[in-house]
Amino acid sequence: MSNADSEQRVYDVVVIGGGTAGLSAALILGRARRSVLVVDAGEPRNAPAAHMQGYPSRDGMPPAEFLAVVREEVAGYGVELVRDRVTKAVPDGSGEFDVVLAEGGGVHGRRLVVATGLTDELPDVPGVAERWGRDVIHCPYCHGYEVRDEPVGVLYAPAAGIHQALLFSQLSHDVTLFLGAHGEDALTDAEWRLLAAAEVAVVTGEVADLVVTDDRLTGVRLADGRVIPRTVTVVAPRMTPNDSLLTGLGADTRDTPAGRFPAVDPTGLTSVPGVWAVGNATGPAEQVVNAASGGYRAGTAINMDLLLTDLEDRAAAATT
């Protein structure tokens, strides 16, 4: 991909972010014969994962392979794709946008789709970042079946509570919740009862690090030296939207259980006219299949918005 020919070009839609959500929007818009540019920094959230799950007909497919197939499909409809990063999007005063690229130059978009995803901020426990996406995971629906019946350790986080421990107890009869520095008082009586009913073991004491042997997770080490054998560790990352472009445009945000995310309507339209946001840029629960759906909805809404705008302009010109 090259951005050499994109300088000063005008597009119906500039899609910022080339993950599933952005490419899904681009696919629908390309099929509607819109001029579309996808600007992709090449940093998908699920890059550490070997496979993706839960997408009908593509269950278990490596994420990089999946995106390569979708890029080829999108390009077949005339959509342009460049490997670059958008540093700024500026309203031009007419309801359209000038988009500045990191590699120099810029493009003009009549409408924008922001699909910049989110960043997973991992617990500060030695070994977690190194094993992330392998045997350190977070989602029972994304990874749970693949670790069924294994010894699972869940690192407690107040924001997630006991949610993950209960869900993973469906998949393994050997689940241990590590309370870490939070202590027994972090749990309510009702939570203790649920953990007991789910047969989840609870370990107190600060977690020191993860134990790895021959490039495989083998345990969770506590500060007092105890090692609890585990082959899988579940964490609750803090999920932060990559929303600097949206906030720079003045887009409203909303509170979610995972923090503040851009506020969007069912099609992904933000509070800024002409700007849509899709995928994990809008919330933490947008798995690949949901991201594809969100991109599709945004693409159809944008196409209709552009069509009506052009027809209204044509009608107005015909009466003058």
Protein backbone atom coordinates (compact mmCIF):
# COMPACT_ATOMS: atom_id res chain seq x y z
CA MET A 1 0.00 0.00 0.00
CA SER A 2 1.19 3.48 -0.78
CA ASN A 3 -0.11 6.91 0.01
CA ALA A 4 1.82 8.62 -2.74
CA ASP A 5 -1.27 9.26 -4.86
CA SER A 6 -3.62 10.23 -2.05
CA GLU A 7 -2.38 13.77 -1.40
CA GLN A 8 -5.07 16.41 -1.93
CA ARG A 9 -7.50 13.81 -3.21
CA VAL A 10 -11.18 14.20 -2.36
CA TYR A 11 -13.11 11.14 -1.22
CA ASP A 12 -16.72 10.56 -0.37
CA VAL A 13 -15.56 8.80 2.79
CA VAL A 14 -12.26 8.53 4.63
CA VAL A 15 -12.15 5.51 6.92
CA ILE A 16 -9.61 5.88 9.71
CA GLY A 17 -8.60 2.43 10.90
CA GLY A 18 -8.35 -0.77 8.86
CA GLY A 19 -9.62 -3.37 11.31
CA THR A 20 -12.81 -5.34 10.85
CA ALA A 21 -15.17 -2.43 11.59
CA GLY A 22 -13.46 0.02 9.26
CA LEU A 23 -13.11 -2.49 6.45
CA SER A 24 -16.74 -3.55 6.80
CA ALA A 25 -17.86 0.06 6.35
CA ALA A 26 -15.50 0.43 3.39
CA LEU A 27 -16.84 -2.75 1.79
CA ILE A 28 -20.44 -1.54 1.88
CA LEU A 29 -19.49 1.92 0.64
CA GLY A 30 -17.32 0.49 -2.14
CA ARG A 31 -20.22 -1.68 -3.27
CA ALA A 32 -22.33 1.50 -3.37
CA ARG A 33 -19.73 2.92 -5.78
CA ARG A 34 -18.52 5.52 -3.33
CA SER A 35 -14.95 6.80 -3.46
CA VAL A 36 -13.37 5.53 -0.24
CA LEU A 37 -9.94 5.76 1.34
CA VAL A 38 -8.96 3.50 4.25
CA VAL A 39 -6.03 4.80 6.30
CA ASP A 40 -4.62 1.98 8.40
CA ALA A 41 -1.77 2.18 10.91
CA GLY A 42 -1.49 -1.62 10.94
CA GLU A 43 -1.98 -2.09 14.69
CA PRO A 44 -5.06 -4.31 15.18
CA ARG A 45 -6.07 -4.96 18.77
CA ASN A 46 -6.20 -8.73 18.27
CA ALA A 47 -2.74 -8.99 16.72
CA PRO A 48 -1.32 -11.01 19.69
CA ALA A 49 -4.02 -13.68 19.29
CA ALA A 50 -3.29 -16.73 17.16
CA HIS A 51 -6.94 -17.22 16.23
CA MET A 52 -10.28 -15.44 16.37
CA GLN A 53 -13.47 -17.17 17.42
CA GLY A 54 -17.20 -16.60 17.19
CA TYR A 55 -17.35 -15.41 13.57
CA PRO A 56 -19.58 -17.76 11.55
CA SER A 57 -17.64 -19.46 8.71
CA ARG A 58 -14.36 -17.96 9.94
CA ASP A 59 -14.18 -19.43 13.45
CA GLY A 60 -10.56 -20.18 14.35
CA MET A 61 -9.07 -18.14 11.52
CA PRO A 62 -5.86 -16.19 12.32
CA PRO A 63 -6.73 -12.47 12.59
CA ALA A 64 -4.00 -11.35 10.18
CA GLU A 65 -5.19 -13.82 7.56
CA PHE A 66 -8.78 -12.67 8.02
CA LEU A 67 -7.88 -9.00 7.55
CA ALA A 68 -5.80 -9.81 4.47
CA VAL A 69 -8.79 -11.52 2.86
CA VAL A 70 -11.10 -8.61 3.69
CA ARG A 71 -8.60 -6.05 2.34
CA GLU A 72 -8.49 -7.96 -0.94
CA GLU A 73 -12.29 -8.02 -1.10
CA VAL A 74 -12.52 -4.30 -0.36
CA ALA A 75 -9.89 -3.37 -2.93
CA GLY A 76 -11.91 -5.28 -5.54
CA TYR A 77 -14.58 -2.58 -5.27
CA GLY A 78 -12.15 0.26 -5.93
CA VAL A 79 -11.52 1.21 -2.30
CA GLU A 80 -8.04 2.62 -1.77
CA LEU A 81 -5.99 1.44 1.21
CA VAL A 82 -2.90 3.17 2.56
CA ARG A 83 -0.59 2.28 5.42
CA ASP A 84 -0.39 5.53 7.34
CA ARG A 85 -1.72 7.27 10.42
CA VAL A 86 -4.15 10.18 10.65
CA THR A 87 -2.82 12.87 12.96
CA LYS A 88 -5.69 15.31 12.69
CA ALA A 89 -9.12 15.78 11.16
CA VAL A 90 -10.32 19.35 10.74
CA PRO A 91 -13.82 20.52 9.75
CA ASP A 92 -13.63 22.72 6.65
CA GLY A 93 -16.73 24.75 7.52
CA SER A 94 -18.96 23.12 4.93
CA GLY A 95 -19.70 19.93 6.84
CA GLU A 96 -16.71 18.13 5.32
CA PHE A 97 -13.20 17.42 6.61
CA ASP A 98 -9.54 17.90 5.85
CA VAL A 99 -7.52 14.92 7.04
CA VAL A 100 -3.81 15.19 7.83
CA LEU A 101 -1.60 12.12 7.38
CA ALA A 102 1.50 11.35 9.43
CA GLU A 103 3.60 10.57 6.35
CA GLY A 104 2.90 14.00 4.95
CA GLY A 105 0.19 15.57 2.88
CA GLY A 106 -3.50 15.16 3.42
CA VAL A 107 -6.82 14.23 1.89
CA HIS A 108 -10.35 15.56 1.97
CA GLY A 109 -13.31 13.50 3.11
CA ARG A 110 -16.94 14.42 2.77
CA ARG A 111 -17.66 12.01 5.63
CA LEU A 112 -15.44 10.25 8.17
CA VAL A 113 -15.53 6.82 9.76
CA VAL A 114 -13.34 6.53 12.86
CA ALA A 115 -12.44 2.91 13.57
CA THR A 116 -9.33 3.40 15.68
CA GLY A 117 -10.16 0.78 18.29
CA LEU A 118 -9.01 0.78 21.88
CA THR A 119 -5.89 0.09 23.93
CA ASP A 120 -5.75 -2.69 26.52
CA GLU A 121 -3.91 -1.45 29.61
CA LEU A 122 -2.78 -4.63 31.35
CA PRO A 123 -2.28 -5.27 35.07
CA ASP A 124 1.21 -4.39 36.24
CA VAL A 125 2.17 -7.98 37.06
CA PRO A 126 5.46 -9.31 35.66
CA GLY A 127 4.78 -11.81 32.91
CA VAL A 128 1.29 -10.61 32.00
CA ALA A 129 2.28 -8.40 29.05
CA GLU A 130 4.68 -11.00 27.70
CA ARG A 131 2.01 -13.73 27.67
CA TRP A 132 -0.89 -11.54 26.56
CA GLY A 133 -2.97 -13.16 23.83
CA ARG A 134 -1.35 -16.53 24.41
CA ASP A 135 -2.00 -18.04 27.84
CA VAL A 136 -2.95 -14.72 29.42
CA ILE A 137 -6.44 -13.92 28.18
CA HIS A 138 -9.52 -11.94 29.19
CA CYS A 139 -12.66 -13.07 27.35
CA PRO A 140 -14.44 -16.42 27.82
CA TYR A 141 -16.26 -15.99 24.54
CA CYS A 142 -13.11 -15.15 22.56
CA HIS A 143 -10.74 -17.71 24.09
CA GLY A 144 -12.58 -19.78 26.67
CA TYR A 145 -13.35 -22.93 24.67
CA GLU A 146 -9.70 -23.25 23.67
CA VAL A 147 -8.64 -23.48 27.35
CA ARG A 148 -11.48 -25.72 28.49
CA ASP A 149 -10.64 -28.08 31.34
CA GLU A 150 -7.30 -26.39 32.01
CA PRO A 151 -6.29 -24.97 35.41
CA VAL A 152 -7.41 -21.34 35.15
CA GLY A 153 -6.32 -18.47 37.36
CA VAL A 154 -8.28 -15.22 37.43
CA LEU A 155 -6.60 -12.04 38.68
CA TYR A 156 -9.26 -10.06 40.52
CA ALA A 157 -9.93 -6.48 39.44
CA PRO A 158 -12.63 -4.34 41.11
CA ALA A 159 -14.05 -3.19 37.77
CA ALA A 160 -14.62 -6.78 36.62
CA GLY A 161 -15.47 -8.21 40.02
CA ILE A 162 -16.02 -11.96 40.01
CA HIS A 163 -17.62 -11.91 36.57
CA GLN A 164 -14.73 -13.62 34.77
CA ALA A 165 -14.26 -16.28 37.44
CA LEU A 166 -17.91 -17.30 37.21
CA LEU A 167 -17.89 -17.44 33.43
CA PHE A 168 -14.72 -19.51 33.23
CA SER A 169 -16.17 -21.93 35.76
CA GLN A 170 -18.47 -23.05 32.93
CA LEU A 171 -15.43 -24.12 30.95
CA SER A 172 -13.19 -25.61 33.61
CA HIS A 173 -13.74 -27.31 36.95
CA ASP A 174 -10.38 -25.92 38.16
CA VAL A 175 -10.73 -22.15 38.49
CA THR A 176 -8.91 -20.09 41.12
CA LEU A 177 -9.61 -16.43 41.83
CA PHE A 178 -6.59 -14.48 43.06
CA LEU A 179 -7.69 -11.54 45.19
CA GLY A 180 -4.19 -10.07 45.30
CA ALA A 181 -3.80 -6.97 47.42
CA HIS A 182 -7.57 -6.42 47.56
CA GLY A 183 -8.19 -8.96 50.32
CA GLU A 184 -11.29 -10.89 51.37
CA ASP A 185 -13.21 -7.73 52.22
CA ALA A 186 -13.30 -6.84 48.50
CA LEU A 187 -16.08 -9.41 48.01
CA THR A 188 -19.64 -9.19 49.25
CA ASP A 189 -21.42 -12.04 50.99
CA ALA A 190 -23.45 -12.61 47.84
CA GLU A 191 -20.27 -12.89 45.76
CA TRP A 192 -18.76 -15.39 48.18
CA ARG A 193 -21.90 -17.50 47.85
CA LEU A 194 -21.77 -17.43 44.06
CA LEU A 195 -18.10 -18.41 44.02
CA ALA A 196 -18.80 -21.30 46.36
CA ALA A 197 -21.71 -22.46 44.21
CA ALA A 198 -19.48 -22.30 41.12
CA GLU A 199 -16.75 -24.20 43.02
CA VAL A 200 -14.23 -21.45 42.36
CA ALA A 201 -11.27 -21.50 44.75
CA VAL A 202 -10.16 -18.17 46.22
CA VAL A 203 -6.55 -17.34 47.10
CA THR A 204 -5.56 -14.27 49.11
CA GLY A 205 -2.15 -12.64 49.10
CA GLU A 206 -0.44 -10.29 46.68
CA VAL A 207 0.50 -11.72 43.29
CA ALA A 208 4.22 -11.35 42.55
CA ASP A 209 4.49 -12.65 39.00
CA LEU A 210 3.64 -15.40 36.55
CA VAL A 211 5.79 -18.51 36.35
CA VAL A 212 6.82 -19.59 32.86
CA THR A 213 8.63 -22.83 31.99
CA ASP A 214 9.81 -23.64 28.46
CA ASP A 215 7.75 -20.76 27.10
CA ARG A 216 4.58 -22.01 28.75
CA LEU A 217 2.70 -20.57 31.69
CA THR A 218 2.91 -22.98 34.61
CA GLY A 219 1.81 -21.01 37.66
CA VAL A 220 1.01 -17.84 39.57
CA ARG A 221 3.56 -16.87 42.20
CA LEU A 222 2.48 -15.00 45.33
CA ALA A 223 4.60 -12.51 47.22
CA ASP A 224 5.09 -15.03 50.04
CA GLY A 225 6.73 -17.47 47.60
CA ARG A 226 3.81 -19.83 47.10
CA VAL A 227 3.23 -20.97 43.51
CA ILE A 228 -0.26 -22.03 42.50
CA PRO A 229 -0.04 -24.21 39.36
CA ARG A 230 -2.02 -22.65 36.50
CA THR A 231 -1.72 -22.99 32.73
CA VAL A 232 -4.05 -20.06 31.92
CA THR A 233 -4.36 -16.67 33.57
CA VAL A 234 -7.35 -14.40 33.05
CA VAL A 235 -6.95 -10.65 33.51
CA ALA A 236 -9.24 -7.64 33.23
CA PRO A 237 -7.42 -4.99 31.21
CA ARG A 238 -8.43 -1.37 31.44
CA MET A 239 -9.86 -0.61 28.02
CA THR A 240 -9.19 2.91 26.79
CA PRO A 241 -10.64 4.09 23.46
CA ASN A 242 -8.23 5.52 20.92
CA ASP A 243 -10.48 8.54 20.58
CA SER A 244 -8.14 11.51 20.28
CA LEU A 245 -9.41 12.28 16.78
CA LEU A 246 -13.00 12.22 17.99
CA THR A 247 -12.37 14.34 21.07
CA GLY A 248 -10.40 16.73 18.89
CA LEU A 249 -13.51 17.14 16.78
CA GLY A 250 -15.60 17.75 19.91
CA ALA A 251 -17.49 14.46 19.90
CA ASP A 252 -19.56 13.73 23.00
CA THR A 253 -18.68 10.78 25.24
CA ARG A 254 -20.75 8.55 27.51
CA ASP A 255 -20.17 6.51 30.63
CA THR A 256 -19.92 2.73 30.27
CA PRO A 257 -18.95 0.03 32.80
CA ALA A 258 -15.49 0.14 31.20
CA GLY A 259 -15.11 3.94 31.31
CA ARG A 260 -15.99 6.79 28.98
CA PHE A 261 -16.44 6.02 25.29
CA PRO A 262 -17.69 8.10 22.36
CA ALA A 263 -21.46 8.49 22.28
CA VAL A 264 -22.99 7.13 19.06
CA ASP A 265 -26.43 6.37 17.70
CA PRO A 266 -27.38 2.87 16.42
CA THR A 267 -25.62 3.56 13.10
CA GLY A 268 -22.44 4.82 14.73
CA LEU A 269 -23.11 8.51 14.12
CA THR A 270 -21.38 10.68 16.71
CA SER A 271 -22.51 14.07 17.97
CA VAL A 272 -20.39 15.63 15.21
CA PRO A 273 -22.36 15.76 11.95
CA GLY A 274 -20.64 13.75 9.25
CA VAL A 275 -18.52 11.67 11.65
CA TRP A 276 -19.26 8.02 12.45
CA ALA A 277 -17.39 5.81 14.92
CA VAL A 278 -17.45 2.03 14.80
CA GLY A 279 -15.88 -1.02 16.45
CA ASN A 280 -13.93 -0.90 19.69
CA ALA A 281 -13.62 2.86 19.35
CA THR A 282 -17.22 2.91 20.61
CA GLY A 283 -17.14 0.28 23.35
CA PRO A 284 -15.31 -2.69 24.84
CA ALA A 285 -17.72 -5.43 23.74
CA GLU A 286 -17.29 -5.06 19.98
CA GLN A 287 -15.84 -8.47 19.12
CA VAL A 288 -14.97 -9.12 15.47
CA VAL A 289 -18.47 -10.21 14.47
CA ASN A 290 -20.03 -7.19 16.20
CA ALA A 291 -17.47 -4.85 14.66
CA ALA A 292 -18.35 -6.13 11.20
CA SER A 293 -22.03 -5.49 11.88
CA GLY A 294 -21.34 -1.98 13.17
CA GLY A 295 -19.27 -1.13 10.12
CA TYR A 296 -22.04 -2.39 7.85
CA ARG A 297 -24.66 -0.23 9.56
CA ALA A 298 -22.44 2.83 9.38
CA GLY A 299 -21.71 2.24 5.70
CA THR A 300 -25.38 2.09 4.75
CA ALA A 301 -26.21 5.17 6.83
CA ILE A 302 -23.37 7.18 5.29
CA ASN A 303 -24.33 6.21 1.77
CA MET A 304 -27.91 7.37 2.34
CA ASP A 305 -26.69 10.58 3.97
CA LEU A 306 -24.50 11.39 0.97
CA LEU A 307 -27.23 10.43 -1.51
CA LEU A 308 -29.80 12.71 0.10
CA THR A 309 -27.30 15.55 0.39
CA ASP A 310 -26.43 15.32 -3.30
CA LEU A 311 -30.06 15.04 -4.39
CA GLU A 312 -31.08 18.02 -2.27
CA ASP A 313 -28.25 20.07 -3.75
CA ARG A 314 -29.28 19.02 -7.25
CA ALA A 315 -32.90 19.88 -6.57
CA ALA A 316 -31.95 23.27 -5.18
CA ALA A 317 -29.79 24.02 -8.19
CA ALA A 318 -32.61 23.06 -10.55
CA THR A 319 -34.92 25.65 -9.01
CA THR A 320 -32.50 28.56 -9.31
